[in-house]
PDB file of N, CA and C in Angstrom:
ATOM      1  N   MET A   1     -20.144  -0.320 -48.546  1.00  0.00           N
ATOM      2  CA  MET A   1     -19.163  -0.758 -48.124  1.00  0.00           C
ATOM      3  C   MET A   1     -18.939   0.247 -46.502  1.00  0.00           C
ATOM      4  N   ARG A   2     -19.303   1.266 -46.634  1.00  0.00           N
ATOM      5  CA  ARG A   2     -18.999   2.440 -45.781  1.00  0.00           C
ATOM      6  C   ARG A   2     -20.055   1.710 -44.229  1.00  0.00           C
ATOM      7  N   LYS A   3     -21.147   1.326 -44.692  1.00  0.00           N
ATOM      8  CA  LYS A   3     -21.825   0.832 -43.526  1.00  0.00           C
ATOM      9  C   LYS A   3     -21.598  -0.460 -43.032  1.00  0.00           C
ATOM     10  N   VAL A   4     -20.677  -1.294 -43.578  1.00  0.00           N
ATOM     11  CA  VAL A   4     -19.705  -2.489 -42.915  1.00  0.00           C
ATOM     12  C   VAL A   4     -19.108  -1.854 -42.378  1.00  0.00           C
ATOM     13  N   LEU A   5     -18.211  -0.990 -42.453  1.00  0.00           N
ATOM     14  CA  LEU A   5     -17.391  -0.077 -41.954  1.00  0.00           C
ATOM     15  C   LEU A   5     -17.287   0.336 -40.454  1.00  0.00           C
ATOM     16  N   LEU A   6     -18.561   0.768 -40.761  1.00  0.00           N
ATOM     17  CA  LEU A   6     -19.449   1.570 -39.787  1.00  0.00           C
ATOM     18  C   LEU A   6     -19.695   0.358 -38.502  1.00  0.00           C
ATOM     19  N   LEU A   7     -20.783  -0.309 -39.078  1.00  0.00           N
ATOM     20  CA  LEU A   7     -20.689  -1.366 -37.878  1.00  0.00           C
ATOM     21  C   LEU A   7     -19.863  -2.439 -37.698  1.00  0.00           C
ATOM     22  N   LEU A   8     -18.967  -2.480 -38.129  1.00  0.00           N
ATOM     23  CA  LEU A   8     -17.684  -2.894 -37.762  1.00  0.00           C
ATOM     24  C   LEU A   8     -17.116  -1.764 -36.194  1.00  0.00           C
ATOM     25  N   ALA A   9     -17.043  -1.348 -36.773  1.00  0.00           N
ATOM     26  CA  ALA A   9     -16.237   0.202 -35.936  1.00  0.00           C
ATOM     27  C   ALA A   9     -17.181  -0.096 -34.375  1.00  0.00           C
ATOM     28  N   ALA A  10     -18.704  -0.339 -35.373  1.00  0.00           N
ATOM     29  CA  ALA A  10     -19.362   0.566 -33.639  1.00  0.00           C
ATOM     30  C   ALA A  10     -18.996  -1.498 -32.385  1.00  0.00           C
ATOM     31  N   VAL A  11     -19.472  -2.053 -33.374  1.00  0.00           N
ATOM     32  CA  VAL A  11     -19.220  -3.284 -32.205  1.00  0.00           C
ATOM     33  C   VAL A  11     -17.588  -3.516 -32.050  1.00  0.00           C
ATOM     34  N   LEU A  12     -16.703  -2.617 -32.514  1.00  0.00           N
ATOM     35  CA  LEU A  12     -15.738  -2.725 -31.547  1.00  0.00           C
ATOM     36  C   LEU A  12     -15.588  -2.200 -30.441  1.00  0.00           C
ATOM     37  N   VAL A  13     -16.298  -0.631 -30.529  1.00  0.00           N
ATOM     38  CA  VAL A  13     -16.265   0.292 -29.418  1.00  0.00           C
ATOM     39  C   VAL A  13     -17.226  -0.444 -28.787  1.00  0.00           C
ATOM     40  N   LEU A  14     -18.458  -1.160 -28.665  1.00  0.00           N
ATOM     41  CA  LEU A  14     -19.295  -1.175 -28.113  1.00  0.00           C
ATOM     42  C   LEU A  14     -18.900  -2.463 -27.061  1.00  0.00           C
ATOM     43  N   GLY A  15     -18.061  -3.525 -27.910  1.00  0.00           N
ATOM     44  CA  GLY A  15     -17.361  -4.344 -27.764  1.00  0.00           C
ATOM     45  C   GLY A  15     -16.277  -4.593 -26.806  1.00  0.00           C
ATOM     46  N   CYS A  16     -15.645  -3.428 -26.089  1.00  0.00           N
ATOM     47  CA  CYS A  16     -14.315  -2.503 -25.144  1.00  0.00           C
ATOM     48  C   CYS A  16     -15.101  -2.782 -24.204  1.00  0.00           C
ATOM     49  N   LYS A  17     -14.663  -3.074 -23.293  1.00  0.00           N
ATOM     50  CA  LYS A  17     -15.462  -2.360 -21.728  1.00  0.00           C
ATOM     51  C   LYS A  17     -13.865  -2.615 -20.929  1.00  0.00           C
ATOM     52  N   GLU A  18     -14.347  -1.630 -20.021  1.00  0.00           N
ATOM     53  CA  GLU A  18     -13.002  -1.464 -18.516  1.00  0.00           C
ATOM     54  C   GLU A  18     -12.525  -2.644 -18.298  1.00  0.00           C
ATOM     55  N   SER A  19     -11.808  -3.172 -17.999  1.00  0.00           N
ATOM     56  CA  SER A  19     -11.530  -4.543 -16.866  1.00  0.00           C
ATOM     57  C   SER A  19     -11.611  -4.183 -15.275  1.00  0.00           C
ATOM     58  N   ALA A  20     -12.215  -4.770 -14.869  1.00  0.00           N
ATOM     59  CA  ALA A  20     -12.863  -4.296 -13.466  1.00  0.00           C
ATOM     60  C   ALA A  20     -11.521  -5.249 -12.050  1.00  0.00           C
ATOM     61  N   VAL A  21     -11.155  -4.247 -11.681  1.00  0.00           N
ATOM     62  CA  VAL A  21     -10.094  -4.883 -10.425  1.00  0.00           C
ATOM     63  C   VAL A  21     -10.966  -5.791  -9.573  1.00  0.00           C
ATOM     64  N   ARG A  22     -10.548  -7.072  -9.521  1.00  0.00           N
ATOM     65  CA  ARG A  22     -11.448  -8.128  -9.106  1.00  0.00           C
ATOM     66  C   ARG A  22     -11.048  -8.076  -7.738  1.00  0.00           C
ATOM     67  N   PRO A  23     -11.350  -8.048  -6.416  1.00  0.00           N
ATOM     68  CA  PRO A  23     -10.517  -8.308  -5.198  1.00  0.00           C
ATOM     69  C   PRO A  23     -10.628  -9.728  -4.926  1.00  0.00           C
ATOM     70  N   TYR A  24      -9.510 -10.099  -4.591  1.00  0.00           N
ATOM     71  CA  TYR A  24      -9.075 -11.819  -4.156  1.00  0.00           C
ATOM     72  C   TYR A  24     -10.604 -12.243  -2.883  1.00  0.00           C
ATOM     73  N   GLN A  25     -10.030 -13.074  -2.082  1.00  0.00           N
ATOM     74  CA  GLN A  25     -11.077 -13.356  -0.916  1.00  0.00           C
ATOM     75  C   GLN A  25     -10.468 -13.538   0.137  1.00  0.00           C
ATOM     76  N   ALA A  26      -9.034 -13.564   0.323  1.00  0.00           N
ATOM     77  CA  ALA A  26      -7.744 -13.786   1.439  1.00  0.00           C
ATOM     78  C   ALA A  26      -6.345 -13.067   1.371  1.00  0.00           C
ATOM     79  N   MET A  27      -6.065 -12.494   2.179  1.00  0.00           N
ATOM     80  CA  MET A  27      -4.776 -11.966   1.365  1.00  0.00           C
ATOM     81  C   MET A  27      -3.723 -13.210   2.680  1.00  0.00           C
ATOM     82  N   ALA A  28      -3.174 -13.646   1.844  1.00  0.00           N
ATOM     83  CA  ALA A  28      -2.614 -15.147   2.658  1.00  0.00           C
ATOM     84  C   ALA A  28      -0.884 -14.934   3.189  1.00  0.00           C
ATOM     85  N   SER A  29       0.425 -15.767   3.346  1.00  0.00           N
ATOM     86  CA  SER A  29       1.283 -15.986   3.302  1.00  0.00           C
ATOM     87  C   SER A  29       1.370 -17.477   2.856  1.00  0.00           C
ATOM     88  N   ILE A  30       2.347 -17.745   2.393  1.00  0.00           N
ATOM     89  CA  ILE A  30       3.196 -18.923   1.464  1.00  0.00           C
ATOM     90  C   ILE A  30       4.351 -19.394   2.559  1.00  0.00           C
ATOM     91  N   THR A  31       4.208 -19.988   3.516  1.00  0.00           N
ATOM     92  CA  THR A  31       5.475 -19.817   4.486  1.00  0.00           C
ATOM     93  C   THR A  31       6.590 -20.930   4.499  1.00  0.00           C
ATOM     94  N   GLY A  32       5.993 -22.111   3.423  1.00  0.00           N
ATOM     95  CA  GLY A  32       7.220 -23.171   3.650  1.00  0.00           C
ATOM     96  C   GLY A  32       6.405 -23.864   3.519  1.00  0.00           C
ATOM     97  N   TYR A  33       7.381 -25.808   3.527  1.00  0.00           N
ATOM     98  CA  TYR A  33       7.217 -26.491   3.131  1.00  0.00           C
ATOM     99  C   TYR A  33       6.705 -27.235   4.004  1.00  0.00           C
ATOM    100  N   ASP A  34       5.698 -28.406   4.524  1.00  0.00           N
ATOM    101  CA  ASP A  34       5.558 -29.272   5.276  1.00  0.00           C
ATOM    102  C   ASP A  34       6.162 -30.322   4.774  1.00  0.00           C
ATOM    103  N   MET A  35       7.204 -30.301   5.919  1.00  0.00           N
ATOM    104  CA  MET A  35       8.207 -31.716   5.842  1.00  0.00           C
ATOM    105  C   MET A  35       8.236 -32.779   6.521  1.00  0.00           C
ATOM    106  N   ARG A  36       7.093 -32.794   7.263  1.00  0.00           N
ATOM    107  CA  ARG A  36       7.186 -34.112   8.300  1.00  0.00           C
ATOM    108  C   ARG A  36       6.815 -35.026   6.804  1.00  0.00           C
ATOM    109  N   GLU A  37       6.994 -36.692   7.544  1.00  0.00           N
ATOM    110  CA  GLU A  37       7.338 -37.367   7.140  1.00  0.00           C
ATOM    111  C   GLU A  37       7.067 -38.813   7.384  1.00  0.00           C
ATOM    112  N   CYS A  38       4.738 -38.514   6.816  1.00  0.00           N
ATOM    113  CA  CYS A  38       4.299 -39.977   7.608  1.00  0.00           C
ATOM    114  C   CYS A  38       3.292 -41.051   6.620  1.00  0.00           C
ATOM    115  N   ALA A  39       2.511 -41.634   6.896  1.00  0.00           N
ATOM    116  CA  ALA A  39       1.893 -42.148   6.202  1.00  0.00           C
ATOM    117  C   ALA A  39       0.100 -41.758   6.391  1.00  0.00           C
ATOM    118  N   SER A  40       0.811 -40.746   6.995  1.00  0.00           N
ATOM    119  CA  SER A  40      -0.954 -39.995   6.992  1.00  0.00           C
ATOM    120  C   SER A  40      -1.608 -38.770   5.626  1.00  0.00           C
ATOM    121  N   PRO A  41      -2.177 -38.435   5.175  1.00  0.00           N
ATOM    122  CA  PRO A  41      -2.453 -37.585   4.227  1.00  0.00           C
ATOM    123  C   PRO A  41      -2.288 -36.638   4.905  1.00  0.00           C
ATOM    124  N   ALA A  42      -2.472 -36.297   6.359  1.00  0.00           N
ATOM    125  CA  ALA A  42      -2.080 -34.560   6.649  1.00  0.00           C
ATOM    126  C   ALA A  42      -0.920 -34.549   6.535  1.00  0.00           C
ATOM    127  N   CYS A  43       0.126 -35.590   5.904  1.00  0.00           N
ATOM    128  CA  CYS A  43       1.086 -34.839   6.015  1.00  0.00           C
ATOM    129  C   CYS A  43       2.009 -34.457   4.424  1.00  0.00           C
ATOM    130  N   GLY A  44       2.646 -33.329   3.930  1.00  0.00           N
ATOM    131  CA  GLY A  44       3.240 -32.946   2.905  1.00  0.00           C
ATOM    132  C   GLY A  44       2.646 -31.680   2.721  1.00  0.00           C
ATOM    133  N   GLY A  45       3.153 -31.042   1.365  1.00  0.00           N
ATOM    134  CA  GLY A  45       2.906 -29.929   0.566  1.00  0.00           C
ATOM    135  C   GLY A  45       2.821 -28.599   0.736  1.00  0.00           C
ATOM    136  N   LEU A  46       2.870 -27.544   0.494  1.00  0.00           N
ATOM    137  CA  LEU A  46       2.678 -25.947   1.346  1.00  0.00           C
ATOM    138  C   LEU A  46       1.959 -25.690   2.082  1.00  0.00           C
ATOM    139  N   LEU A  47       2.398 -24.689   3.462  1.00  0.00           N
ATOM    140  CA  LEU A  47       2.445 -24.536   4.324  1.00  0.00           C
ATOM    141  C   LEU A  47       1.051 -23.286   3.918  1.00  0.00           C
ATOM    142  N   LEU A  48       0.378 -22.670   4.562  1.00  0.00           N
ATOM    143  CA  LEU A  48      -0.445 -21.224   4.196  1.00  0.00           C
ATOM    144  C   LEU A  48      -0.657 -20.305   5.449  1.00  0.00           C
ATOM    145  N   THR A  49      -0.374 -18.897   6.051  1.00  0.00           N
ATOM    146  CA  THR A  49      -0.956 -19.012   6.847  1.00  0.00           C
ATOM    147  C   THR A  49      -1.820 -17.842   6.088  1.00  0.00           C
ATOM    148  N   ILE A  50      -3.740 -17.759   6.484  1.00  0.00           N
ATOM    149  CA  ILE A  50      -3.931 -16.496   6.179  1.00  0.00           C
ATOM    150  C   ILE A  50      -4.936 -15.102   6.643  1.00  0.00           C
ATOM    151  N   ASN A  51      -4.795 -14.454   6.436  1.00  0.00           N
ATOM    152  CA  ASN A  51      -4.566 -13.152   7.214  1.00  0.00           C
ATOM    153  C   ASN A  51      -5.953 -12.299   7.518  1.00  0.00           C
ATOM    154  N   ASN A  52      -6.024 -12.412   8.929  1.00  0.00           N
ATOM    155  CA  ASN A  52      -7.456 -11.672   8.900  1.00  0.00           C
ATOM    156  C   ASN A  52      -8.526 -13.313   8.754  1.00  0.00           C
ATOM    157  N   ASP A  53      -8.484 -14.667   8.664  1.00  0.00           N
ATOM    158  CA  ASP A  53      -8.739 -15.584   9.235  1.00  0.00           C
ATOM    159  C   ASP A  53     -10.241 -15.506   9.541  1.00  0.00           C
ATOM    160  N   THR A  54     -11.398 -16.344   8.282  1.00  0.00           N
ATOM    161  CA  THR A  54     -13.029 -15.930   9.597  1.00  0.00           C
ATOM    162  C   THR A  54     -13.610 -16.706   9.674  1.00  0.00           C
ATOM    163  N   ALA A  55     -12.999 -18.125   9.923  1.00  0.00           N
ATOM    164  CA  ALA A  55     -13.645 -19.275  10.078  1.00  0.00           C
ATOM    165  C   ALA A  55     -13.394 -19.737  11.491  1.00  0.00           C
ATOM    166  N   LYS A  56     -14.415 -20.148  11.623  1.00  0.00           N
ATOM    167  CA  LYS A  56     -14.545 -20.228  13.215  1.00  0.00           C
ATOM    168  C   LYS A  56     -13.578 -21.686  13.650  1.00  0.00           C
ATOM    169  N   ASN A  57     -13.162 -20.934  14.341  1.00  0.00           N
ATOM    170  CA  ASN A  57     -11.324 -21.661  15.035  1.00  0.00           C
ATOM    171  C   ASN A  57     -10.696 -22.108  14.216  1.00  0.00           C
ATOM    172  N   PRO A  58     -10.603 -20.791  13.096  1.00  0.00           N
ATOM    173  CA  PRO A  58      -9.182 -21.212  12.425  1.00  0.00           C
ATOM    174  C   PRO A  58      -8.185 -21.852  12.896  1.00  0.00           C
ATOM    175  N   PRO A  59      -7.181 -22.654  11.849  1.00  0.00           N
ATOM    176  CA  PRO A  59      -6.131 -23.675  11.794  1.00  0.00           C
ATOM    177  C   PRO A  59      -5.140 -22.595  12.059  1.00  0.00           C
ATOM    178  N   SER A  60      -3.931 -22.111  12.630  1.00  0.00           N
ATOM    179  CA  SER A  60      -2.764 -21.816  12.724  1.00  0.00           C
ATOM    180  C   SER A  60      -1.868 -21.732  11.582  1.00  0.00           C
ATOM    181  N   PHE A  61      -1.848 -22.544  10.559  1.00  0.00           N
ATOM    182  CA  PHE A  61      -2.263 -22.909   8.652  1.00  0.00           C
ATOM    183  C   PHE A  61      -2.761 -23.906   8.048  1.00  0.00           C
ATOM    184  N   TYR A  62      -2.678 -23.680   7.278  1.00  0.00           N
ATOM    185  CA  TYR A  62      -3.574 -24.564   6.311  1.00  0.00           C
ATOM    186  C   TYR A  62      -2.965 -24.871   5.099  1.00  0.00           C
ATOM    187  N   HIS A  63      -2.982 -26.356   4.928  1.00  0.00           N
ATOM    188  CA  HIS A  63      -2.119 -26.881   3.529  1.00  0.00           C
ATOM    189  C   HIS A  63      -2.514 -26.947   2.178  1.00  0.00           C
ATOM    190  N   THR A  64      -2.136 -27.093   1.259  1.00  0.00           N
ATOM    191  CA  THR A  64      -2.166 -27.271  -0.180  1.00  0.00           C
ATOM    192  C   THR A  64      -1.314 -28.492  -0.710  1.00  0.00           C
ATOM    193  N   ARG A  65      -1.869 -29.006  -1.334  1.00  0.00           N
ATOM    194  CA  ARG A  65      -0.721 -30.114  -2.133  1.00  0.00           C
ATOM    195  C   ARG A  65      -0.907 -29.404  -3.636  1.00  0.00           C
ATOM    196  N   GLN A  66      -0.896 -27.963  -4.217  1.00  0.00           N
ATOM    197  CA  GLN A  66      -0.499 -27.569  -5.078  1.00  0.00           C
ATOM    198  C   GLN A  66       0.953 -26.783  -5.052  1.00  0.00           C
ATOM    199  N   THR A  67       2.127 -26.940  -6.091  1.00  0.00           N
ATOM    200  CA  THR A  67       3.177 -27.107  -6.111  1.00  0.00           C
ATOM    201  C   THR A  67       2.968 -25.410  -5.752  1.00  0.00           C
ATOM    202  N   LEU A  68       4.353 -25.056  -6.024  1.00  0.00           N
ATOM    203  CA  LEU A  68       4.668 -23.650  -6.759  1.00  0.00           C
ATOM    204  C   LEU A  68       4.531 -23.319  -8.308  1.00  0.00           C
ATOM    205  N   THR A  69       5.129 -24.107  -8.763  1.00  0.00           N
ATOM    206  CA  THR A  69       5.259 -24.310 -10.512  1.00  0.00           C
ATOM    207  C   THR A  69       3.468 -24.228 -10.294  1.00  0.00           C
ATOM    208  N   GLN A  70       2.808 -25.177  -9.861  1.00  0.00           N
ATOM    209  CA  GLN A  70       1.231 -25.377 -10.354  1.00  0.00           C
ATOM    210  C   GLN A  70       0.490 -24.417 -10.409  1.00  0.00           C
ATOM    211  N   LEU A  71       1.206 -23.113  -8.637  1.00  0.00           N
ATOM    212  CA  LEU A  71       0.815 -21.783  -8.672  1.00  0.00           C
ATOM    213  C   LEU A  71       1.076 -20.885  -9.749  1.00  0.00           C
ATOM    214  N   GLY A  72       1.652 -21.314 -10.613  1.00  0.00           N
ATOM    215  CA  GLY A  72       2.351 -20.109 -11.270  1.00  0.00           C
ATOM    216  C   GLY A  72       3.822 -19.620 -11.065  1.00  0.00           C
ATOM    217  N   LEU A  73       4.654 -19.959  -9.783  1.00  0.00           N
ATOM    218  CA  LEU A  73       5.945 -19.412  -9.524  1.00  0.00           C
ATOM    219  C   LEU A  73       6.811 -20.163  -9.618  1.00  0.00           C
ATOM    220  N   SER A  74       8.088 -19.632  -9.383  1.00  0.00           N
ATOM    221  CA  SER A  74       9.572 -19.923  -9.504  1.00  0.00           C
ATOM    222  C   SER A  74       9.458 -21.418  -8.728  1.00  0.00           C
ATOM    223  N   GLY A  75      10.060 -22.181  -9.299  1.00  0.00           N
ATOM    224  CA  GLY A  75      10.018 -23.616  -8.190  1.00  0.00           C
ATOM    225  C   GLY A  75      11.240 -23.353  -7.081  1.00  0.00           C
ATOM    226  N   ASN A  76      11.980 -22.217  -7.104  1.00  0.00           N
ATOM    227  CA  ASN A  76      12.910 -21.473  -6.238  1.00  0.00           C
ATOM    228  C   ASN A  76      13.492 -20.554  -5.548  1.00  0.00           C
ATOM    229  N   SER A  77      11.648 -19.876  -6.184  1.00  0.00           N
ATOM    230  CA  SER A  77      10.881 -19.074  -4.913  1.00  0.00           C
ATOM    231  C   SER A  77      11.111 -18.536  -3.323  1.00  0.00           C
ATOM    232  N   LYS A  78      11.679 -18.213  -2.836  1.00  0.00           N
ATOM    233  CA  LYS A  78      12.686 -17.069  -1.915  1.00  0.00           C
ATOM    234  C   LYS A  78      11.170 -17.753  -0.914  1.00  0.00           C
ATOM    235  N   LEU A  79      10.826 -18.281   0.651  1.00  0.00           N
ATOM    236  CA  LEU A  79       9.734 -18.035   1.170  1.00  0.00           C
ATOM    237  C   LEU A  79       9.937 -17.414   2.437  1.00  0.00           C
ATOM    238  N   PRO A  80       8.671 -16.877   3.194  1.00  0.00           N
ATOM    239  CA  PRO A  80       7.545 -16.732   2.642  1.00  0.00           C
ATOM    240  C   PRO A  80       7.165 -15.978   1.589  1.00  0.00           C
ATOM    241  N   ILE A  81       6.067 -15.959   0.859  1.00  0.00           N
ATOM    242  CA  ILE A  81       5.216 -15.379  -0.004  1.00  0.00           C
ATOM    243  C   ILE A  81       4.114 -14.763   0.222  1.00  0.00           C
ATOM    244  N   SER A  82       4.503 -13.279   0.210  1.00  0.00           N
ATOM    245  CA  SER A  82       3.124 -13.090   0.485  1.00  0.00           C
ATOM    246  C   SER A  82       1.983 -13.155  -0.970  1.00  0.00           C
ATOM    247  N   VAL A  83       0.645 -13.296  -0.553  1.00  0.00           N
ATOM    248  CA  VAL A  83       0.014 -13.276  -2.231  1.00  0.00           C
ATOM    249  C   VAL A  83      -1.829 -13.192  -1.496  1.00  0.00           C
ATOM    250  N   ASN A  84      -2.348 -12.826  -2.854  1.00  0.00           N
ATOM    251  CA  ASN A  84      -3.375 -12.720  -2.825  1.00  0.00           C
ATOM    252  C   ASN A  84      -3.874 -14.293  -3.151  1.00  0.00           C
ATOM    253  N   ILE A  85      -4.817 -14.615  -2.554  1.00  0.00           N
ATOM    254  CA  ILE A  85      -5.957 -16.075  -3.233  1.00  0.00           C
ATOM    255  C   ILE A  85      -7.615 -15.723  -2.766  1.00  0.00           C
ATOM    256  N   ASP A  86      -7.672 -16.732  -3.986  1.00  0.00           N
ATOM    257  CA  ASP A  86      -9.407 -17.283  -3.476  1.00  0.00           C
ATOM    258  C   ASP A  86      -9.202 -18.934  -3.599  1.00  0.00           C
ATOM    259  N   TYR A  87     -10.057 -19.188  -2.931  1.00  0.00           N
ATOM    260  CA  TYR A  87      -9.475 -20.652  -2.444  1.00  0.00           C
ATOM    261  C   TYR A  87     -10.762 -21.036  -2.429  1.00  0.00           C
ATOM    262  N   LYS A  88     -10.831 -22.243  -2.052  1.00  0.00           N
ATOM    263  CA  LYS A  88     -12.125 -23.248  -1.322  1.00  0.00           C
ATOM    264  C   LYS A  88     -11.181 -24.714  -1.064  1.00  0.00           C
ATOM    265  N   PRO A  89     -12.720 -24.745   0.812  1.00  0.00           N
ATOM    266  CA  PRO A  89     -11.935 -26.013   0.798  1.00  0.00           C
ATOM    267  C   PRO A  89     -11.804 -27.009   0.345  1.00  0.00           C
ATOM    268  N   ASP A  90     -10.741 -28.078   0.232  1.00  0.00           N
ATOM    269  CA  ASP A  90     -10.407 -29.407  -0.691  1.00  0.00           C
ATOM    270  C   ASP A  90     -11.183 -30.490   0.632  1.00  0.00           C
ATOM    271  N   THR A  91     -12.310 -30.805  -0.517  1.00  0.00           N
ATOM    272  CA  THR A  91     -13.238 -31.644  -0.055  1.00  0.00           C
ATOM    273  C   THR A  91     -13.217 -33.529   0.161  1.00  0.00           C
ATOM    274  N   GLY A  92     -12.139 -33.218  -0.736  1.00  0.00           N
ATOM    275  CA  GLY A  92     -11.472 -35.076  -0.573  1.00  0.00           C
ATOM    276  C   GLY A  92     -11.039 -35.504   0.338  1.00  0.00           C
ATOM    277  N   ILE A  93     -10.520 -36.238   0.796  1.00  0.00           N
ATOM    278  CA  ILE A  93      -9.435 -37.181   1.952  1.00  0.00           C
ATOM    279  C   ILE A  93      -8.821 -36.478   2.457  1.00  0.00           C
ATOM    280  N   PHE A  94      -8.202 -34.937   2.066  1.00  0.00           N
ATOM    281  CA  PHE A  94      -7.783 -34.453   2.722  1.00  0.00           C
ATOM    282  C   PHE A  94      -9.029 -33.279   3.435  1.00  0.00           C
ATOM    283  N   ALA A  95     -10.042 -33.212   3.401  1.00  0.00           N
ATOM    284  CA  ALA A  95     -10.760 -32.038   4.092  1.00  0.00           C
ATOM    285  C   ALA A  95     -10.046 -32.065   5.350  1.00  0.00           C
ATOM    286  N   GLU A  96     -10.682 -32.612   6.028  1.00  0.00           N
ATOM    287  CA  GLU A  96     -10.287 -32.824   8.121  1.00  0.00           C
ATOM    288  C   GLU A  96      -8.819 -32.463   8.085  1.00  0.00           C
ATOM    289  N   PHE A  97      -7.830 -31.961   7.381  1.00  0.00           N
ATOM    290  CA  PHE A  97      -6.748 -31.428   7.763  1.00  0.00           C
ATOM    291  C   PHE A  97      -6.331 -30.741   7.225  1.00  0.00           C
ATOM    292  N   HIS A  98      -7.518 -29.763   7.022  1.00  0.00           N
ATOM    293  CA  HIS A  98      -7.283 -28.059   6.480  1.00  0.00           C
ATOM    294  C   HIS A  98      -6.323 -28.127   5.148  1.00  0.00           C
ATOM    295  N   TYR A  99      -6.703 -28.932   4.327  1.00  0.00           N
ATOM    296  CA  TYR A  99      -6.326 -28.492   3.139  1.00  0.00           C
ATOM    297  C   TYR A  99      -7.390 -27.606   2.305  1.00  0.00           C
ATOM    298  N   ILE A 100      -6.405 -26.748   1.243  1.00  0.00           N
ATOM    299  CA  ILE A 100      -7.782 -25.816   0.656  1.00  0.00           C
ATOM    300  C   ILE A 100      -7.057 -26.262  -0.835  1.00  0.00           C
ATOM    301  N   VAL A 101      -8.190 -25.797  -1.848  1.00  0.00           N
ATOM    302  CA  VAL A 101      -7.138 -25.776  -3.416  1.00  0.00           C
ATOM    303  C   VAL A 101      -7.300 -24.308  -4.043  1.00  0.00           C
ATOM    304  N   ILE A 102      -6.074 -23.575  -3.879  1.00  0.00           N
ATOM    305  CA  ILE A 102      -6.319 -22.091  -4.605  1.00  0.00           C
ATOM    306  C   ILE A 102      -6.708 -21.892  -5.429  1.00  0.00           C
ATOM    307  N   THR A 103      -7.867 -21.489  -5.830  1.00  0.00           N
ATOM    308  CA  THR A 103      -8.047 -21.652  -7.367  1.00  0.00           C
ATOM    309  C   THR A 103      -7.740 -19.950  -8.258  1.00  0.00           C
ATOM    310  N   HIS A 104      -6.913 -18.946  -7.910  1.00  0.00           N
ATOM    311  CA  HIS A 104      -6.361 -17.895  -8.374  1.00  0.00           C
ATOM    312  C   HIS A 104      -5.468 -17.192  -7.174  1.00  0.00           C
ATOM    313  N   LEU A 105      -4.325 -16.902  -8.036  1.00  0.00           N
ATOM    314  CA  LEU A 105      -3.125 -16.633  -7.009  1.00  0.00           C
ATOM    315  C   LEU A 105      -2.670 -15.218  -7.489  1.00  0.00           C
ATOM    316  N   LYS A 106      -2.279 -14.345  -6.723  1.00  0.00           N
ATOM    317  CA  LYS A 106      -1.285 -13.099  -7.282  1.00  0.00           C
ATOM    318  C   LYS A 106      -0.382 -12.815  -6.047  1.00  0.00           C
ATOM    319  N   VAL A 107       0.767 -12.847  -6.436  1.00  0.00           N
ATOM    320  CA  VAL A 107       1.612 -11.998  -5.506  1.00  0.00           C
ATOM    321  C   VAL A 107       1.775 -10.383  -5.295  1.00  0.00           C
ATOM    322  N   VAL A 108       2.005 -10.219  -3.993  1.00  0.00           N
ATOM    323  CA  VAL A 108       1.581  -9.677  -3.935  1.00  0.00           C
ATOM    324  C   VAL A 108       3.275  -8.870  -2.979  1.00  0.00           C
ATOM    325  N   ASN A 109       3.654  -7.554  -3.818  1.00  0.00           N
ATOM    326  CA  ASN A 109       5.401  -7.094  -3.681  1.00  0.00           C
ATOM    327  C   ASN A 109       5.217  -6.370  -2.638  1.00  0.00           C
TER     328      ASN A 109
END
């Protein structure tokens, strides 16, 4: 029995490790909603600006089709919201309109 307890304790100690603080891909601001009404897929969604954007000829803002609640935020949040994000380009029909998909988000206080 003692060997089993020692083995269990060893497994628990070895299984624990410090969680590293993971850097995010970019600092950004969710600035508001795209309120344009048009038949084009280039309208609608949230507008974001990415700080220190390293893309070649970066746009003044990016779009995301995700809502505030889908991003884990309150739908009544006051904009702009400073955030750290990981993202990838939207490769669907919205690709040419500077749409991105946010994969991870953390609000910066």
